[in-house]
Amino acid sequence: MALDQAHSDKEKREIESAREMFQILMEIATLLDTDLDAQSLTYCIRLCESGVNPDALAQVFVSIKNMVSGYNQEK
């Protein structure tokens, strides 16, 4: 029983730590004016955790943002 409680407490701490880290990353993304919402940021985090190069991912986002901006200016 004590082992189960310790395991449960550890999982709760890990979940809380992950939430705090996500909130920090969301604040950084907002401060940097990335236009990423919570879902998009989650996708980016998962991609990076899966081995995607963060610099390459950032370049893709900048490129897409520029394309959308150019498209909106043409309207």
PDB file of N, CA and C in Angstrom:
ATOM      1  N   MET A   1       0.818  -1.197   0.000  1.00  0.00           N
ATOM      2  CA  MET A   1       0.000   0.000   0.000  1.00  0.00           C
ATOM      3  C   MET A   1       0.862   1.261   0.000  1.00  0.00           C
ATOM      4  N   ALA A   2       1.895   1.288   0.820  1.00  0.00           N
ATOM      5  CA  ALA A   2       2.782   2.454   0.876  1.00  0.00           C
ATOM      6  C   ALA A   2       3.503   2.638  -0.450  1.00  0.00           C
ATOM      7  N   LEU A   3       3.853   1.535  -1.105  1.00  0.00           N
ATOM      8  CA  LEU A   3       4.526   1.607  -2.397  1.00  0.00           C
ATOM      9  C   LEU A   3       3.603   2.222  -3.445  1.00  0.00           C
ATOM     10  N   ASP A   4       2.316   1.819  -3.417  1.00  0.00           N
ATOM     11  CA  ASP A   4       1.340   2.380  -4.350  1.00  0.00           C
ATOM     12  C   ASP A   4       1.172   3.884  -4.127  1.00  0.00           C
ATOM     13  N   GLN A   5       1.143   4.298  -2.851  1.00  0.00           N
ATOM     14  CA  GLN A   5       0.994   5.722  -2.528  1.00  0.00           C
ATOM     15  C   GLN A   5       2.208   6.507  -3.005  1.00  0.00           C
ATOM     16  N   ALA A   6       3.414   5.950  -2.797  1.00  0.00           N
ATOM     17  CA  ALA A   6       4.638   6.628  -3.231  1.00  0.00           C
ATOM     18  C   ALA A   6       4.658   6.749  -4.752  1.00  0.00           C
ATOM     19  N   HIS A   7       4.222   5.685  -5.439  1.00  0.00           N
ATOM     20  CA  HIS A   7       4.165   5.706  -6.899  1.00  0.00           C
ATOM     21  C   HIS A   7       3.162   6.760  -7.366  1.00  0.00           C
ATOM     22  N   SER A   8       2.007   6.805  -6.720  1.00  0.00           N
ATOM     23  CA  SER A   8       0.973   7.771  -7.065  1.00  0.00           C
ATOM     24  C   SER A   8       1.458   9.198  -6.820  1.00  0.00           C
ATOM     25  N   ASP A   9       2.136   9.422  -5.698  1.00  0.00           N
ATOM     26  CA  ASP A   9       2.670  10.746  -5.394  1.00  0.00           C
ATOM     27  C   ASP A   9       3.707  11.170  -6.430  1.00  0.00           C
ATOM     28  N   LYS A  10       4.536  10.227  -6.844  1.00  0.00           N
ATOM     29  CA  LYS A  10       5.557  10.527  -7.851  1.00  0.00           C
ATOM     30  C   LYS A  10       4.893  10.903  -9.172  1.00  0.00           C
ATOM     31  N   GLU A  11       3.864  10.162  -9.562  1.00  0.00           N
ATOM     32  CA  GLU A  11       3.147  10.473 -10.804  1.00  0.00           C
ATOM     33  C   GLU A  11       2.499  11.849 -10.730  1.00  0.00           C
ATOM     34  N   LYS A  12       1.916  12.180  -9.583  1.00  0.00           N
ATOM     35  CA  LYS A  12       1.291  13.494  -9.408  1.00  0.00           C
ATOM     36  C   LYS A  12       2.321  14.606  -9.535  1.00  0.00           C
ATOM     37  N   ARG A  13       3.503  14.406  -8.950  1.00  0.00           N
ATOM     38  CA  ARG A  13       4.562  15.413  -9.046  1.00  0.00           C
ATOM     39  C   ARG A  13       5.024  15.566 -10.486  1.00  0.00           C
ATOM     40  N   GLU A  14       5.146  14.449 -11.202  1.00  0.00           N
ATOM     41  CA  GLU A  14       5.573  14.504 -12.601  1.00  0.00           C
ATOM     42  C   GLU A  14       4.538  15.223 -13.464  1.00  0.00           C
ATOM     43  N   ILE A  15       3.275  14.964 -13.214  1.00  0.00           N
ATOM     44  CA  ILE A  15       2.208  15.624 -13.963  1.00  0.00           C
ATOM     45  C   ILE A  15       2.210  17.115 -13.675  1.00  0.00           C
ATOM     46  N   GLU A  16       2.338  17.487 -12.412  1.00  0.00           N
ATOM     47  CA  GLU A  16       2.375  18.901 -12.043  1.00  0.00           C
ATOM     48  C   GLU A  16       3.598  19.588 -12.646  1.00  0.00           C
ATOM     49  N   SER A  17       4.715  18.902 -12.649  1.00  0.00           N
ATOM     50  CA  SER A  17       5.935  19.453 -13.240  1.00  0.00           C
ATOM     51  C   SER A  17       5.751  19.676 -14.740  1.00  0.00           C
ATOM     52  N   ALA A  18       5.118  18.725 -15.415  1.00  0.00           N
ATOM     53  CA  ALA A  18       4.861  18.852 -16.855  1.00  0.00           C
ATOM     54  C   ALA A  18       3.922  20.022 -17.128  1.00  0.00           C
ATOM     55  N   ARG A  19       2.910  20.190 -16.288  1.00  0.00           N
ATOM     56  CA  ARG A  19       1.984  21.320 -16.458  1.00  0.00           C
ATOM     57  C   ARG A  19       2.705  22.650 -16.286  1.00  0.00           C
ATOM     58  N   GLU A  20       3.533  22.728 -15.267  1.00  0.00           N
ATOM     59  CA  GLU A  20       4.286  23.958 -15.020  1.00  0.00           C
ATOM     60  C   GLU A  20       5.223  24.267 -16.188  1.00  0.00           C
ATOM     61  N   MET A  21       5.889  23.247 -16.695  1.00  0.00           N
ATOM     62  CA  MET A  21       6.787  23.436 -17.829  1.00  0.00           C
ATOM     63  C   MET A  21       6.014  23.908 -19.056  1.00  0.00           C
ATOM     64  N   PHE A  22       4.847  23.325 -19.290  1.00  0.00           N
ATOM     65  CA  PHE A  22       4.039  23.749 -20.430  1.00  0.00           C
ATOM     66  C   PHE A  22       3.611  25.200 -20.279  1.00  0.00           C
ATOM     67  N   GLN A  23       3.202  25.580 -19.080  1.00  0.00           N
ATOM     68  CA  GLN A  23       2.791  26.969 -18.843  1.00  0.00           C
ATOM     69  C   GLN A  23       3.948  27.930 -19.097  1.00  0.00           C
ATOM     70  N   ILE A  24       5.140  27.546 -18.681  1.00  0.00           N
ATOM     71  CA  ILE A  24       6.321  28.378 -18.923  1.00  0.00           C
ATOM     72  C   ILE A  24       6.585  28.501 -20.422  1.00  0.00           C
ATOM     73  N   LEU A  25       6.526  27.371 -21.121  1.00  0.00           N
ATOM     74  CA  LEU A  25       6.744  27.401 -22.577  1.00  0.00           C
ATOM     75  C   LEU A  25       5.674  28.225 -23.281  1.00  0.00           C
ATOM     76  N   MET A  26       4.428  28.154 -22.802  1.00  0.00           N
ATOM     77  CA  MET A  26       3.357  28.944 -23.399  1.00  0.00           C
ATOM     78  C   MET A  26       3.602  30.428 -23.175  1.00  0.00           C
ATOM     79  N   GLU A  27       4.061  30.792 -21.985  1.00  0.00           N
ATOM     80  CA  GLU A  27       4.387  32.190 -21.707  1.00  0.00           C
ATOM     81  C   GLU A  27       5.530  32.685 -22.594  1.00  0.00           C
ATOM     82  N   ILE A  28       6.539  31.852 -22.778  1.00  0.00           N
ATOM     83  CA  ILE A  28       7.662  32.227 -23.644  1.00  0.00           C
ATOM     84  C   ILE A  28       7.171  32.401 -25.088  1.00  0.00           C
ATOM     85  N   ALA A  29       6.344  31.477 -25.545  1.00  0.00           N
ATOM     86  CA  ALA A  29       5.810  31.568 -26.907  1.00  0.00           C
ATOM     87  C   ALA A  29       4.996  32.841 -27.085  1.00  0.00           C
ATOM     88  N   THR A  30       4.246  33.220 -26.063  1.00  0.00           N
ATOM     89  CA  THR A  30       3.456  34.447 -26.124  1.00  0.00           C
ATOM     90  C   THR A  30       4.360  35.671 -26.129  1.00  0.00           C
ATOM     91  N   LEU A  31       5.359  35.678 -25.268  1.00  0.00           N
ATOM     92  CA  LEU A  31       6.281  36.813 -25.208  1.00  0.00           C
ATOM     93  C   LEU A  31       7.039  36.995 -26.517  1.00  0.00           C
ATOM     94  N   LEU A  32       7.336  35.892 -27.187  1.00  0.00           N
ATOM     95  CA  LEU A  32       8.052  35.948 -28.461  1.00  0.00           C
ATOM     96  C   LEU A  32       7.120  36.163 -29.653  1.00  0.00           C
ATOM     97  N   ASP A  33       5.826  36.324 -29.362  1.00  0.00           N
ATOM     98  CA  ASP A  33       4.832  36.595 -30.400  1.00  0.00           C
ATOM     99  C   ASP A  33       4.857  35.527 -31.493  1.00  0.00           C
ATOM    100  N   THR A  34       4.833  34.269 -31.074  1.00  0.00           N
ATOM    101  CA  THR A  34       4.893  33.161 -32.033  1.00  0.00           C
ATOM    102  C   THR A  34       3.554  32.856 -32.697  1.00  0.00           C
ATOM    103  N   ASP A  35       2.474  33.386 -32.132  1.00  0.00           N
ATOM    104  CA  ASP A  35       1.113  33.094 -32.606  1.00  0.00           C
ATOM    105  C   ASP A  35       0.743  31.620 -32.456  1.00  0.00           C
ATOM    106  N   LEU A  36       1.429  30.902 -31.574  1.00  0.00           N
ATOM    107  CA  LEU A  36       1.092  29.503 -31.317  1.00  0.00           C
ATOM    108  C   LEU A  36       0.038  29.437 -30.227  1.00  0.00           C
ATOM    109  N   ASP A  37      -1.024  28.670 -30.483  1.00  0.00           N
ATOM    110  CA  ASP A  37      -1.979  28.414 -29.425  1.00  0.00           C
ATOM    111  C   ASP A  37      -1.509  27.182 -28.646  1.00  0.00           C
ATOM    112  N   ALA A  38      -2.235  26.827 -27.605  1.00  0.00           N
ATOM    113  CA  ALA A  38      -1.816  25.724 -26.738  1.00  0.00           C
ATOM    114  C   ALA A  38      -1.700  24.406 -27.511  1.00  0.00           C
ATOM    115  N   GLN A  39      -2.639  24.160 -28.410  1.00  0.00           N
ATOM    116  CA  GLN A  39      -2.605  22.906 -29.171  1.00  0.00           C
ATOM    117  C   GLN A  39      -1.396  22.870 -30.106  1.00  0.00           C
ATOM    118  N   SER A  40      -1.127  23.965 -30.793  1.00  0.00           N
ATOM    119  CA  SER A  40       0.022  24.022 -31.706  1.00  0.00           C
ATOM    120  C   SER A  40       1.329  23.855 -30.944  1.00  0.00           C
ATOM    121  N   LEU A  41       1.414  24.491 -29.773  1.00  0.00           N
ATOM    122  CA  LEU A  41       2.612  24.351 -28.957  1.00  0.00           C
ATOM    123  C   LEU A  41       2.784  22.909 -28.510  1.00  0.00           C
ATOM    124  N   THR A  42       1.692  22.262 -28.163  1.00  0.00           N
ATOM    125  CA  THR A  42       1.746  20.847 -27.770  1.00  0.00           C
ATOM    126  C   THR A  42       2.293  20.001 -28.916  1.00  0.00           C
ATOM    127  N   TYR A  43       1.824  20.258 -30.137  1.00  0.00           N
ATOM    128  CA  TYR A  43       2.334  19.523 -31.296  1.00  0.00           C
ATOM    129  C   TYR A  43       3.835  19.747 -31.470  1.00  0.00           C
ATOM    130  N   CYS A  44       4.263  20.989 -31.311  1.00  0.00           N
ATOM    131  CA  CYS A  44       5.687  21.311 -31.456  1.00  0.00           C
ATOM    132  C   CYS A  44       6.515  20.565 -30.411  1.00  0.00           C
ATOM    133  N   ILE A  45       6.040  20.559 -29.185  1.00  0.00           N
ATOM    134  CA  ILE A  45       6.757  19.863 -28.108  1.00  0.00           C
ATOM    135  C   ILE A  45       6.857  18.381 -28.429  1.00  0.00           C
ATOM    136  N   ARG A  46       5.750  17.803 -28.854  1.00  0.00           N
ATOM    137  CA  ARG A  46       5.755  16.357 -29.178  1.00  0.00           C
ATOM    138  C   ARG A  46       6.676  16.043 -30.348  1.00  0.00           C
ATOM    139  N   LEU A  47       6.690  16.902 -31.335  1.00  0.00           N
ATOM    140  CA  LEU A  47       7.591  16.694 -32.468  1.00  0.00           C
ATOM    141  C   LEU A  47       9.046  16.743 -32.014  1.00  0.00           C
ATOM    142  N   CYS A  48       9.374  17.723 -31.181  1.00  0.00           N
ATOM    143  CA  CYS A  48      10.749  17.836 -30.677  1.00  0.00           C
ATOM    144  C   CYS A  48      11.116  16.633 -29.817  1.00  0.00           C
ATOM    145  N   GLU A  49      10.172  16.172 -28.995  1.00  0.00           N
ATOM    146  CA  GLU A  49      10.423  14.990 -28.173  1.00  0.00           C
ATOM    147  C   GLU A  49      10.616  13.751 -29.033  1.00  0.00           C
ATOM    148  N   SER A  50      10.034  13.771 -30.235  1.00  0.00           N
ATOM    149  CA  SER A  50      10.165  12.632 -31.154  1.00  0.00           C
ATOM    150  C   SER A  50      11.417  12.709 -32.017  1.00  0.00           C
ATOM    151  N   GLY A  51      12.194  13.797 -31.842  1.00  0.00           N
ATOM    152  CA  GLY A  51      13.458  13.879 -32.560  1.00  0.00           C
ATOM    153  C   GLY A  51      13.521  14.895 -33.677  1.00  0.00           C
ATOM    154  N   VAL A  52      12.427  15.620 -33.913  1.00  0.00           N
ATOM    155  CA  VAL A  52      12.448  16.644 -34.952  1.00  0.00           C
ATOM    156  C   VAL A  52      13.392  17.763 -34.508  1.00  0.00           C
ATOM    157  N   ASN A  53      14.185  18.252 -35.438  1.00  0.00           N
ATOM    158  CA  ASN A  53      15.117  19.331 -35.145  1.00  0.00           C
ATOM    159  C   ASN A  53      14.330  20.608 -34.846  1.00  0.00           C
ATOM    160  N   PRO A  54      14.483  21.189 -33.638  1.00  0.00           N
ATOM    161  CA  PRO A  54      13.721  22.387 -33.274  1.00  0.00           C
ATOM    162  C   PRO A  54      13.993  23.574 -34.199  1.00  0.00           C
ATOM    163  N   ASP A  55      15.227  23.720 -34.678  1.00  0.00           N
ATOM    164  CA  ASP A  55      15.545  24.820 -35.590  1.00  0.00           C
ATOM    165  C   ASP A  55      14.802  24.662 -36.913  1.00  0.00           C
ATOM    166  N   ALA A  56      14.769  23.451 -37.414  1.00  0.00           N
ATOM    167  CA  ALA A  56      14.054  23.186 -38.666  1.00  0.00           C
ATOM    168  C   ALA A  56      12.556  23.422 -38.478  1.00  0.00           C
ATOM    169  N   LEU A  57      12.029  23.004 -37.339  1.00  0.00           N
ATOM    170  CA  LEU A  57      10.613  23.215 -37.045  1.00  0.00           C
ATOM    171  C   LEU A  57      10.298  24.705 -36.982  1.00  0.00           C
ATOM    172  N   ALA A  58      11.159  25.470 -36.346  1.00  0.00           N
ATOM    173  CA  ALA A  58      10.972  26.918 -36.254  1.00  0.00           C
ATOM    174  C   ALA A  58      10.994  27.550 -37.650  1.00  0.00           C
ATOM    175  N   GLN A  59      11.896  27.078 -38.512  1.00  0.00           N
ATOM    176  CA  GLN A  59      11.973  27.618 -39.875  1.00  0.00           C
ATOM    177  C   GLN A  59      10.686  27.329 -40.646  1.00  0.00           C
ATOM    178  N   VAL A  60      10.125  26.158 -40.430  1.00  0.00           N
ATOM    179  CA  VAL A  60       8.862  25.813 -41.098  1.00  0.00           C
ATOM    180  C   VAL A  60       7.767  26.765 -40.642  1.00  0.00           C
ATOM    181  N   PHE A  61       7.692  27.010 -39.338  1.00  0.00           N
ATOM    182  CA  PHE A  61       6.665  27.916 -38.832  1.00  0.00           C
ATOM    183  C   PHE A  61       6.842  29.326 -39.364  1.00  0.00           C
ATOM    184  N   VAL A  62       8.066  29.811 -39.409  1.00  0.00           N
ATOM    185  CA  VAL A  62       8.327  31.153 -39.938  1.00  0.00           C
ATOM    186  C   VAL A  62       7.930  31.216 -41.412  1.00  0.00           C
ATOM    187  N   SER A  63       8.280  30.184 -42.147  1.00  0.00           N
ATOM    188  CA  SER A  63       7.944  30.143 -43.569  1.00  0.00           C
ATOM    189  C   SER A  63       6.432  30.149 -43.778  1.00  0.00           C
ATOM    190  N   ILE A  64       5.720  29.343 -43.005  1.00  0.00           N
ATOM    191  CA  ILE A  64       4.259  29.296 -43.124  1.00  0.00           C
ATOM    192  C   ILE A  64       3.656  30.645 -42.738  1.00  0.00           C
ATOM    193  N   LYS A  65       4.151  31.225 -41.661  1.00  0.00           N
ATOM    194  CA  LYS A  65       3.650  32.524 -41.212  1.00  0.00           C
ATOM    195  C   LYS A  65       3.857  33.582 -42.294  1.00  0.00           C
ATOM    196  N   ASN A  66       5.019  33.567 -42.941  1.00  0.00           N
ATOM    197  CA  ASN A  66       5.303  34.517 -44.022  1.00  0.00           C
ATOM    198  C   ASN A  66       4.395  34.287 -45.223  1.00  0.00           C
ATOM    199  N   MET A  67       4.149  33.028 -45.555  1.00  0.00           N
ATOM    200  CA  MET A  67       3.262  32.716 -46.686  1.00  0.00           C
ATOM    201  C   MET A  67       1.846  33.206 -46.399  1.00  0.00           C
ATOM    202  N   VAL A  68       1.365  32.971 -45.196  1.00  0.00           N
ATOM    203  CA  VAL A  68       0.022  33.418 -44.826  1.00  0.00           C
ATOM    204  C   VAL A  68      -0.056  34.929 -44.849  1.00  0.00           C
ATOM    205  N   SER A  69       0.977  35.581 -44.335  1.00  0.00           N
ATOM    206  CA  SER A  69       1.021  37.042 -44.330  1.00  0.00           C
ATOM    207  C   SER A  69       0.986  37.580 -45.761  1.00  0.00           C
ATOM    208  N   GLY A  70       1.764  36.981 -46.641  1.00  0.00           N
ATOM    209  CA  GLY A  70       1.765  37.393 -48.043  1.00  0.00           C
ATOM    210  C   GLY A  70       0.428  37.158 -48.703  1.00  0.00           C
ATOM    211  N   TYR A  71      -0.198  36.052 -48.382  1.00  0.00           N
ATOM    212  CA  TYR A  71      -1.511  35.740 -48.941  1.00  0.00           C
ATOM    213  C   TYR A  71      -2.544  36.761 -48.465  1.00  0.00           C
ATOM    214  N   ASN A  72      -2.497  37.100 -47.175  1.00  0.00           N
ATOM    215  CA  ASN A  72      -3.457  38.062 -46.625  1.00  0.00           C
ATOM    216  C   ASN A  72      -3.254  39.456 -47.215  1.00  0.00           C
ATOM    217  N   GLN A  73      -2.011  39.816 -47.553  1.00  0.00           N
ATOM    218  CA  GLN A  73      -1.746  41.128 -48.142  1.00  0.00           C
ATOM    219  C   GLN A  73      -2.256  41.219 -49.564  1.00  0.00           C
ATOM    220  N   GLU A  74      -2.315  40.071 -50.264  1.00  0.00           N
ATOM    221  CA  GLU A  74      -2.808  40.047 -51.628  1.00  0.00           C
ATOM    222  C   GLU A  74      -4.309  40.248 -51.691  1.00  0.00           C
ATOM    223  N   LYS A  75      -5.008  39.934 -50.628  1.00  0.00           N
ATOM    224  CA  LYS A  75      -6.471  40.043 -50.613  1.00  0.00           C
ATOM    225  C   LYS A  75      -6.890  41.442 -50.659  1.00  0.00           C
TER     226      LYS A  75
END
